[in-house]
Amino acid sequence: MSLFFRPLFEKESSTYTYLLADSDTKEAIIIDAVAETQQRDIGLIEELGLDLKYIIETHVHADHITSSCPLKQKFVNAQIVLGETNPVACADVLIKDGDNLQFGQYDITAMSTPGHTDGCMSFIVGDKVFTGDALLIRSCGRCDFQGGSAEKLFDSISRLFTLPDETYVYPAHDYGGRTVSS
């Protein structure tokens, strides 16, 4: 059993998308796919022969224009996953803190991390946590937009810091060329 993991970067918005797959079953997930790179993502998924099971969004926000719905049109069996406080018309699965999903032999655990927006979710896969805009590298997401809360963001980051020291942090954005933190 081995995990295929590919971070993908979109320069204009400094946004990271993450593609993960079980190398044996070819079941895959994509986290925070953005509109500007949907053709790249579709091409990569097809080239690798992956079976896209979940299209996961860490949050819904103006600086994060998703390609979830177009990806769902291409990969009709994939399910769009959002936090339960982000009901979007094309969402298939609304999750809450502690919910688990599975692709191949891998578990995905949802962790509610509000503050940047009220509906921010982080997702844990093995020794990786995908934090969206809640926790960035050497920073955190802004909380001065509609739905943001400094108090909730502080609590969310404090909670993320309780994950094991071996956990790698993968944010939705980085503006300084960094790719991962721990």
C-alpha atoms as a PDB file:
ATOM      1  CA  MET A   1       0.000   0.000   0.000  1.00  0.00           C
ATOM      2  CA  SER A   2       1.439   3.340  -0.980  1.00  0.00           C
ATOM      3  CA  LEU A   3       0.067   6.853  -1.128  1.00  0.00           C
ATOM      4  CA  PHE A   4       0.514   8.863  -4.302  1.00  0.00           C
ATOM      5  CA  PHE A   5       0.759  12.528  -3.330  1.00  0.00           C
ATOM      6  CA  ARG A   6       1.155  15.466  -5.686  1.00  0.00           C
ATOM      7  CA  PRO A   7       1.022  19.133  -4.616  1.00  0.00           C
ATOM      8  CA  LEU A   8       0.010  21.367  -7.536  1.00  0.00           C
ATOM      9  CA  PHE A   9       0.470  25.150  -7.637  1.00  0.00           C
ATOM     10  CA  GLU A  10      -1.436  27.934  -9.400  1.00  0.00           C
ATOM     11  CA  LYS A  11       0.776  31.040  -9.706  1.00  0.00           C
ATOM     12  CA  GLU A  12      -1.775  33.827 -10.170  1.00  0.00           C
ATOM     13  CA  SER A  13      -3.600  33.212  -6.888  1.00  0.00           C
ATOM     14  CA  SER A  14      -0.700  31.412  -5.147  1.00  0.00           C
ATOM     15  CA  THR A  15      -3.089  28.526  -4.517  1.00  0.00           C
ATOM     16  CA  TYR A  16      -2.188  24.922  -3.803  1.00  0.00           C
ATOM     17  CA  THR A  17      -4.264  21.985  -4.962  1.00  0.00           C
ATOM     18  CA  TYR A  18      -3.456  18.513  -3.671  1.00  0.00           C
ATOM     19  CA  LEU A  19      -3.994  15.236  -5.501  1.00  0.00           C
ATOM     20  CA  LEU A  20      -3.793  12.056  -3.422  1.00  0.00           C
ATOM     21  CA  ALA A  21      -4.425   8.478  -4.494  1.00  0.00           C
ATOM     22  CA  ASP A  22      -4.117   4.931  -3.268  1.00  0.00           C
ATOM     23  CA  SER A  23      -1.504   3.512  -5.656  1.00  0.00           C
ATOM     24  CA  ASP A  24      -3.080   0.050  -5.497  1.00  0.00           C
ATOM     25  CA  THR A  25      -6.780   0.827  -6.000  1.00  0.00           C
ATOM     26  CA  LYS A  26      -6.271   4.085  -7.975  1.00  0.00           C
ATOM     27  CA  GLU A  27      -9.021   5.747  -5.890  1.00  0.00           C
ATOM     28  CA  ALA A  28      -8.158   9.427  -5.576  1.00  0.00           C
ATOM     29  CA  ILE A  29      -9.127  12.685  -3.926  1.00  0.00           C
ATOM     30  CA  ILE A  30      -8.390  16.245  -4.936  1.00  0.00           C
ATOM     31  CA  ILE A  31      -8.316  19.019  -2.340  1.00  0.00           C
ATOM     32  CA  ASP A  32      -8.919  22.702  -3.153  1.00  0.00           C
ATOM     33  CA  ALA A  33      -8.971  22.449  -6.947  1.00  0.00           C
ATOM     34  CA  VAL A  34      -9.114  25.897  -8.577  1.00  0.00           C
ATOM     35  CA  ALA A  35     -10.855  27.023 -11.755  1.00  0.00           C
ATOM     36  CA  GLU A  36      -7.732  28.334 -13.482  1.00  0.00           C
ATOM     37  CA  THR A  37      -6.094  24.896 -13.516  1.00  0.00           C
ATOM     38  CA  GLN A  38      -9.019  22.556 -14.043  1.00  0.00           C
ATOM     39  CA  GLN A  39      -7.710  21.332 -17.417  1.00  0.00           C
ATOM     40  CA  ARG A  40      -4.308  20.560 -15.865  1.00  0.00           C
ATOM     41  CA  ASP A  41      -5.994  18.629 -13.054  1.00  0.00           C
ATOM     42  CA  ILE A  42      -8.316  16.706 -15.391  1.00  0.00           C
ATOM     43  CA  GLY A  43      -5.374  15.825 -17.627  1.00  0.00           C
ATOM     44  CA  LEU A  44      -3.272  14.572 -14.721  1.00  0.00           C
ATOM     45  CA  ILE A  45      -6.081  12.462 -13.261  1.00  0.00           C
ATOM     46  CA  GLU A  46      -6.726  10.893 -16.667  1.00  0.00           C
ATOM     47  CA  GLU A  47      -3.017  10.418 -17.451  1.00  0.00           C
ATOM     48  CA  LEU A  48      -2.489   8.566 -14.175  1.00  0.00           C
ATOM     49  CA  GLY A  49      -5.626   6.456 -14.673  1.00  0.00           C
ATOM     50  CA  LEU A  50      -7.094   7.537 -11.344  1.00  0.00           C
ATOM     51  CA  ASP A  51     -10.659   7.023 -10.159  1.00  0.00           C
ATOM     52  CA  LEU A  52     -11.590  10.363  -8.590  1.00  0.00           C
ATOM     53  CA  LYS A  53     -13.763   9.588  -5.573  1.00  0.00           C
ATOM     54  CA  TYR A  54     -13.880  12.932  -3.733  1.00  0.00           C
ATOM     55  CA  ILE A  55     -13.483  16.578  -4.665  1.00  0.00           C
ATOM     56  CA  ILE A  56     -12.815  18.216  -1.303  1.00  0.00           C
ATOM     57  CA  GLU A  57     -13.039  21.918  -0.456  1.00  0.00           C
ATOM     58  CA  THR A  58     -11.488  23.284   2.727  1.00  0.00           C
ATOM     59  CA  HIS A  59     -13.622  26.428   2.492  1.00  0.00           C
ATOM     60  CA  VAL A  60     -15.694  28.621   0.218  1.00  0.00           C
ATOM     61  CA  HIS A  61     -14.343  32.135  -0.206  1.00  0.00           C
ATOM     62  CA  ALA A  62     -13.890  34.909  -2.765  1.00  0.00           C
ATOM     63  CA  ASP A  63     -10.135  34.335  -3.170  1.00  0.00           C
ATOM     64  CA  HIS A  64     -10.660  30.642  -3.774  1.00  0.00           C
ATOM     65  CA  ILE A  65     -12.538  30.090  -7.035  1.00  0.00           C
ATOM     66  CA  THR A  66     -13.179  26.363  -7.097  1.00  0.00           C
ATOM     67  CA  SER A  67     -13.364  23.976 -10.023  1.00  0.00           C
ATOM     68  CA  SER A  68     -15.440  21.455  -8.057  1.00  0.00           C
ATOM     69  CA  CYS A  69     -18.540  21.638 -10.231  1.00  0.00           C
ATOM     70  CA  PRO A  70     -16.655  21.365 -13.568  1.00  0.00           C
ATOM     71  CA  LEU A  71     -14.595  18.459 -12.169  1.00  0.00           C
ATOM     72  CA  LYS A  72     -17.827  16.744 -11.109  1.00  0.00           C
ATOM     73  CA  GLN A  73     -19.162  17.143 -14.653  1.00  0.00           C
ATOM     74  CA  LYS A  74     -16.077  15.343 -15.981  1.00  0.00           C
ATOM     75  CA  PHE A  75     -15.818  12.716 -13.219  1.00  0.00           C
ATOM     76  CA  VAL A  76     -19.501  12.006 -12.633  1.00  0.00           C
ATOM     77  CA  ASN A  77     -18.974   9.408  -9.890  1.00  0.00           C
ATOM     78  CA  ALA A  78     -16.889  11.790  -7.766  1.00  0.00           C
ATOM     79  CA  GLN A  79     -18.584  13.440  -4.804  1.00  0.00           C
ATOM     80  CA  ILE A  80     -18.056  17.077  -3.831  1.00  0.00           C
ATOM     81  CA  VAL A  81     -17.295  17.372  -0.107  1.00  0.00           C
ATOM     82  CA  LEU A  82     -17.784  20.554   1.929  1.00  0.00           C
ATOM     83  CA  GLY A  83     -18.142  21.461   5.572  1.00  0.00           C
ATOM     84  CA  GLU A  84     -21.761  21.397   6.708  1.00  0.00           C
ATOM     85  CA  THR A  85     -21.905  25.183   7.147  1.00  0.00           C
ATOM     86  CA  ASN A  86     -21.015  25.696   3.456  1.00  0.00           C
ATOM     87  CA  PRO A  87     -24.092  24.419   1.644  1.00  0.00           C
ATOM     88  CA  VAL A  88     -23.296  24.926  -2.025  1.00  0.00           C
ATOM     89  CA  ALA A  89     -25.725  23.761  -4.689  1.00  0.00           C
ATOM     90  CA  CYS A  90     -23.388  21.182  -6.198  1.00  0.00           C
ATOM     91  CA  ALA A  91     -22.224  19.669  -2.871  1.00  0.00           C
ATOM     92  CA  ASP A  92     -22.869  15.951  -2.479  1.00  0.00           C
ATOM     93  CA  VAL A  93     -21.500  15.408   1.025  1.00  0.00           C
ATOM     94  CA  LEU A  94     -21.708  17.921   3.884  1.00  0.00           C
ATOM     95  CA  ILE A  95     -19.384  16.895   6.695  1.00  0.00           C
ATOM     96  CA  LYS A  96     -18.789  17.951  10.261  1.00  0.00           C
ATOM     97  CA  ASP A  97     -15.922  17.769  12.717  1.00  0.00           C
ATOM     98  CA  GLY A  98     -14.741  14.209  13.270  1.00  0.00           C
ATOM     99  CA  ASP A  99     -16.404  12.708  10.200  1.00  0.00           C
ATOM    100  CA  ASN A 100     -14.360  10.192   8.239  1.00  0.00           C
ATOM    101  CA  LEU A 101     -14.210   9.369   4.557  1.00  0.00           C
ATOM    102  CA  GLN A 102     -12.108   6.755   2.809  1.00  0.00           C
ATOM    103  CA  PHE A 103     -10.339   6.404  -0.527  1.00  0.00           C
ATOM    104  CA  GLY A 104      -8.668   3.076  -1.154  1.00  0.00           C
ATOM    105  CA  GLN A 105      -6.991   2.064   2.115  1.00  0.00           C
ATOM    106  CA  TYR A 106      -6.671   5.653   3.364  1.00  0.00           C
ATOM    107  CA  ASP A 107      -8.843   7.506   5.847  1.00  0.00           C
ATOM    108  CA  ILE A 108      -9.647  11.207   5.696  1.00  0.00           C
ATOM    109  CA  THR A 109     -10.632  12.810   8.996  1.00  0.00           C
ATOM    110  CA  ALA A 110     -12.455  16.135   8.944  1.00  0.00           C
ATOM    111  CA  MET A 111     -11.470  18.775  11.499  1.00  0.00           C
ATOM    112  CA  SER A 112     -13.551  21.917  11.871  1.00  0.00           C
ATOM    113  CA  THR A 113     -11.177  24.918  11.827  1.00  0.00           C
ATOM    114  CA  PRO A 114     -13.333  28.056  11.585  1.00  0.00           C
ATOM    115  CA  GLY A 115     -11.998  31.572  11.816  1.00  0.00           C
ATOM    116  CA  HIS A 116     -10.898  32.550   8.314  1.00  0.00           C
ATOM    117  CA  THR A 117     -14.478  31.732   7.388  1.00  0.00           C
ATOM    118  CA  ASP A 118     -17.094  30.147   9.596  1.00  0.00           C
ATOM    119  CA  GLY A 119     -17.086  26.976   7.520  1.00  0.00           C
ATOM    120  CA  CYS A 120     -13.364  26.262   7.223  1.00  0.00           C
ATOM    121  CA  MET A 121     -12.436  22.595   7.479  1.00  0.00           C
ATOM    122  CA  SER A 122      -9.052  20.902   7.641  1.00  0.00           C
ATOM    123  CA  PHE A 123      -8.512  17.327   6.505  1.00  0.00           C
ATOM    124  CA  ILE A 124      -6.104  14.801   7.982  1.00  0.00           C
ATOM    125  CA  VAL A 125      -4.689  11.985   5.856  1.00  0.00           C
ATOM    126  CA  GLY A 126      -2.002   9.990   7.660  1.00  0.00           C
ATOM    127  CA  ASP A 127       0.803  12.360   8.656  1.00  0.00           C
ATOM    128  CA  LYS A 128      -0.575  15.228   6.548  1.00  0.00           C
ATOM    129  CA  VAL A 129      -3.086  17.937   7.400  1.00  0.00           C
ATOM    130  CA  PHE A 130      -4.601  20.109   4.689  1.00  0.00           C
ATOM    131  CA  THR A 131      -5.512  23.356   6.422  1.00  0.00           C
ATOM    132  CA  GLY A 132      -7.014  25.526   3.694  1.00  0.00           C
ATOM    133  CA  ASP A 133      -6.630  29.143   4.792  1.00  0.00           C
ATOM    134  CA  ALA A 134      -6.857  28.465   8.535  1.00  0.00           C
ATOM    135  CA  LEU A 135      -3.144  27.797   9.004  1.00  0.00           C
ATOM    136  CA  LEU A 136      -0.618  28.892   6.396  1.00  0.00           C
ATOM    137  CA  ILE A 137       3.169  28.529   6.464  1.00  0.00           C
ATOM    138  CA  ARG A 138       4.460  31.043   9.026  1.00  0.00           C
ATOM    139  CA  SER A 139       1.057  32.736   9.053  1.00  0.00           C
ATOM    140  CA  CYS A 140      -2.680  32.215   9.191  1.00  0.00           C
ATOM    141  CA  GLY A 141      -5.622  33.226   7.074  1.00  0.00           C
ATOM    142  CA  ARG A 142      -7.188  36.628   7.455  1.00  0.00           C
ATOM    143  CA  CYS A 143     -10.225  36.869   9.678  1.00  0.00           C
ATOM    144  CA  ASP A 144     -11.386  40.387   8.853  1.00  0.00           C
ATOM    145  CA  PHE A 145     -13.703  39.293   6.054  1.00  0.00           C
ATOM    146  CA  GLN A 146     -17.392  38.434   6.334  1.00  0.00           C
ATOM    147  CA  GLY A 147     -17.730  35.329   8.476  1.00  0.00           C
ATOM    148  CA  GLY A 148     -14.230  35.637   9.927  1.00  0.00           C
ATOM    149  CA  SER A 149     -13.479  35.566  13.638  1.00  0.00           C
ATOM    150  CA  ALA A 150     -10.109  36.095  15.317  1.00  0.00           C
ATOM    151  CA  GLU A 151     -11.274  34.192  18.397  1.00  0.00           C
ATOM    152  CA  LYS A 152     -12.408  31.163  16.393  1.00  0.00           C
ATOM    153  CA  LEU A 153      -9.229  31.225  14.306  1.00  0.00           C
ATOM    154  CA  PHE A 154      -7.086  31.295  17.462  1.00  0.00           C
ATOM    155  CA  ASP A 155      -8.981  28.284  18.820  1.00  0.00           C
ATOM    156  CA  SER A 156      -8.660  26.458  15.480  1.00  0.00           C
ATOM    157  CA  ILE A 157      -4.915  27.037  15.229  1.00  0.00           C
ATOM    158  CA  SER A 158      -4.491  25.973  18.852  1.00  0.00           C
ATOM    159  CA  ARG A 159      -6.347  22.775  18.000  1.00  0.00           C
ATOM    160  CA  LEU A 160      -4.196  22.157  14.904  1.00  0.00           C
ATOM    161  CA  PHE A 161      -1.113  22.531  17.109  1.00  0.00           C
ATOM    162  CA  THR A 162      -2.284  19.512  19.132  1.00  0.00           C
ATOM    163  CA  LEU A 163      -1.678  17.206  16.158  1.00  0.00           C
ATOM    164  CA  PRO A 164       1.436  15.010  16.448  1.00  0.00           C
ATOM    165  CA  ASP A 165       4.786  16.752  15.894  1.00  0.00           C
ATOM    166  CA  GLU A 166       5.353  14.527  12.850  1.00  0.00           C
ATOM    167  CA  THR A 167       2.372  16.093  11.057  1.00  0.00           C
ATOM    168  CA  TYR A 168       3.107  17.994   7.850  1.00  0.00           C
ATOM    169  CA  VAL A 169       0.988  21.088   7.196  1.00  0.00           C
ATOM    170  CA  TYR A 170      -0.220  21.745   3.657  1.00  0.00           C
ATOM    171  CA  PRO A 171      -2.074  25.076   3.268  1.00  0.00           C
ATOM    172  CA  ALA A 172      -4.266  26.314   0.415  1.00  0.00           C
ATOM    173  CA  HIS A 173      -2.001  29.313  -0.238  1.00  0.00           C
ATOM    174  CA  ASP A 174       1.584  30.409   0.117  1.00  0.00           C
ATOM    175  CA  TYR A 175       2.833  33.764  -1.037  1.00  0.00           C
ATOM    176  CA  GLY A 176       6.535  33.174  -0.371  1.00  0.00           C
ATOM    177  CA  GLY A 177       7.355  30.079  -2.403  1.00  0.00           C
ATOM    178  CA  ARG A 178       7.161  27.628   0.515  1.00  0.00           C
ATOM    179  CA  THR A 179       5.400  24.302   0.024  1.00  0.00           C
ATOM    180  CA  VAL A 180       5.078  22.584   3.406  1.00  0.00           C
ATOM    181  CA  SER A 181       5.577  23.118   7.122  1.00  0.00           C
ATOM    182  CA  SER A 182       5.529  20.933  10.209  1.00  0.00           C
END
